[in-house]
Amino acid sequence: MKVLHLTDIHLDTEYRPGTDAVCDTELCCRGGNGEGEGEDAAGYYGDYRKCDLPLHSLENALLHMSAQHPVRTGTCAVGVR
């Protein structure tokens, strides 16, 4: 039996690449935080600092997993917010 188990996916539908990833708010990498400069700019696929996962990264990951593991019995997602 193959099961895809996803846990703690912190999805941010307001994530914007190039925005400030080093900000004074609880969550960065959003349009309201302004543009980031140089290394402070949020990356296209996400950022490890005070940012959650952009939707397109999750979509790309699921497409890749589906292509690499086409036969699975089910998917279990826990802790998704």
Protein backbone atom coordinates (compact mmCIF):
# COMPACT_ATOMS: atom_id res chain seq x y z
CA MET A 1 0.00 0.00 0.00
CA LYS A 2 1.29 3.46 -0.93
CA VAL A 3 -0.04 6.48 0.95
CA LEU A 4 1.09 10.07 0.52
CA HIS A 5 1.22 11.66 3.97
CA LEU A 6 1.42 15.45 4.02
CA THR A 7 1.83 17.27 7.32
CA ASP A 8 2.13 20.86 8.53
CA ILE A 9 1.79 22.55 5.17
CA HIS A 10 1.66 26.23 5.95
CA LEU A 11 0.11 27.52 2.77
CA ASP A 12 0.00 31.27 2.08
CA THR A 13 -2.30 32.28 -0.76
CA GLU A 14 -1.04 35.87 -0.37
CA TYR A 15 2.65 34.95 -0.89
CA ARG A 16 4.35 37.21 -3.45
CA PRO A 17 7.84 36.46 -4.83
CA GLY A 18 10.19 39.43 -4.54
CA THR A 19 8.50 40.92 -1.50
CA ASP A 20 10.35 41.56 1.75
CA ALA A 21 11.19 38.33 3.58
CA VAL A 22 12.68 40.23 6.53
CA CYS A 23 9.88 42.31 8.00
CA ASP A 24 8.52 43.43 11.38
CA THR A 25 5.20 41.60 11.06
CA GLU A 26 4.37 38.03 12.09
CA LEU A 27 4.30 36.82 8.48
CA CYS A 28 6.42 38.24 5.66
CA CYS A 29 6.59 37.63 1.88
CA ARG A 30 3.26 39.30 1.19
CA GLY A 31 2.37 42.28 -0.97
CA GLY A 32 1.73 44.52 2.04
CA ASN A 33 5.32 44.08 3.24
CA GLY A 34 6.77 45.95 0.27
CA GLU A 35 9.51 44.86 -2.10
CA GLY A 36 12.59 43.13 -0.72
CA GLU A 37 16.06 44.19 -1.80
CA GLY A 38 18.82 41.74 -2.71
CA GLU A 39 18.92 38.75 -0.37
CA ASP A 40 15.94 40.10 1.61
CA ALA A 41 13.62 39.40 -1.34
CA ALA A 42 11.38 36.33 -1.13
CA GLY A 43 12.26 33.60 -3.61
CA TYR A 44 9.89 32.28 -6.27
CA TYR A 45 9.34 28.86 -4.67
CA GLY A 46 9.28 30.11 -1.09
CA ASP A 47 11.53 31.40 1.65
CA TYR A 48 12.78 29.78 4.87
CA ARG A 49 12.45 32.92 7.00
CA LYS A 50 9.10 34.32 8.23
CA CYS A 51 7.12 33.08 5.22
CA ASP A 52 4.68 30.27 4.53
CA LEU A 53 4.54 28.20 1.34
CA PRO A 54 3.23 29.77 -1.88
CA LEU A 55 0.39 27.94 -3.61
CA HIS A 56 2.37 27.36 -6.82
CA SER A 57 5.08 25.51 -4.85
CA LEU A 58 2.52 23.12 -3.38
CA GLU A 59 0.96 22.59 -6.81
CA ASN A 60 4.37 21.86 -8.37
CA ALA A 61 5.27 19.45 -5.55
CA LEU A 62 1.98 17.55 -5.90
CA LEU A 63 2.40 17.29 -9.68
CA HIS A 64 5.94 15.95 -9.20
CA MET A 65 4.84 13.43 -6.57
CA SER A 66 1.98 12.30 -8.80
CA ALA A 67 4.34 11.76 -11.74
CA GLN A 68 6.99 9.94 -9.69
CA HIS A 69 4.54 7.79 -7.69
CA PRO A 70 1.48 7.32 -9.92
CA VAL A 71 0.02 4.38 -8.00
CA ARG A 72 -1.06 5.14 -4.47
CA THR A 73 -3.92 4.00 -2.30
CA GLY A 74 -4.66 7.36 -0.71
CA THR A 75 -3.52 10.75 0.50
CA CYS A 76 -3.57 11.90 4.11
CA ALA A 77 -3.08 15.59 4.92
CA VAL A 78 -2.84 16.60 8.58
CA GLY A 79 -2.02 19.89 10.23
CA VAL A 80 -2.85 21.83 7.07
CA ARG A 81 -3.85 25.41 7.70
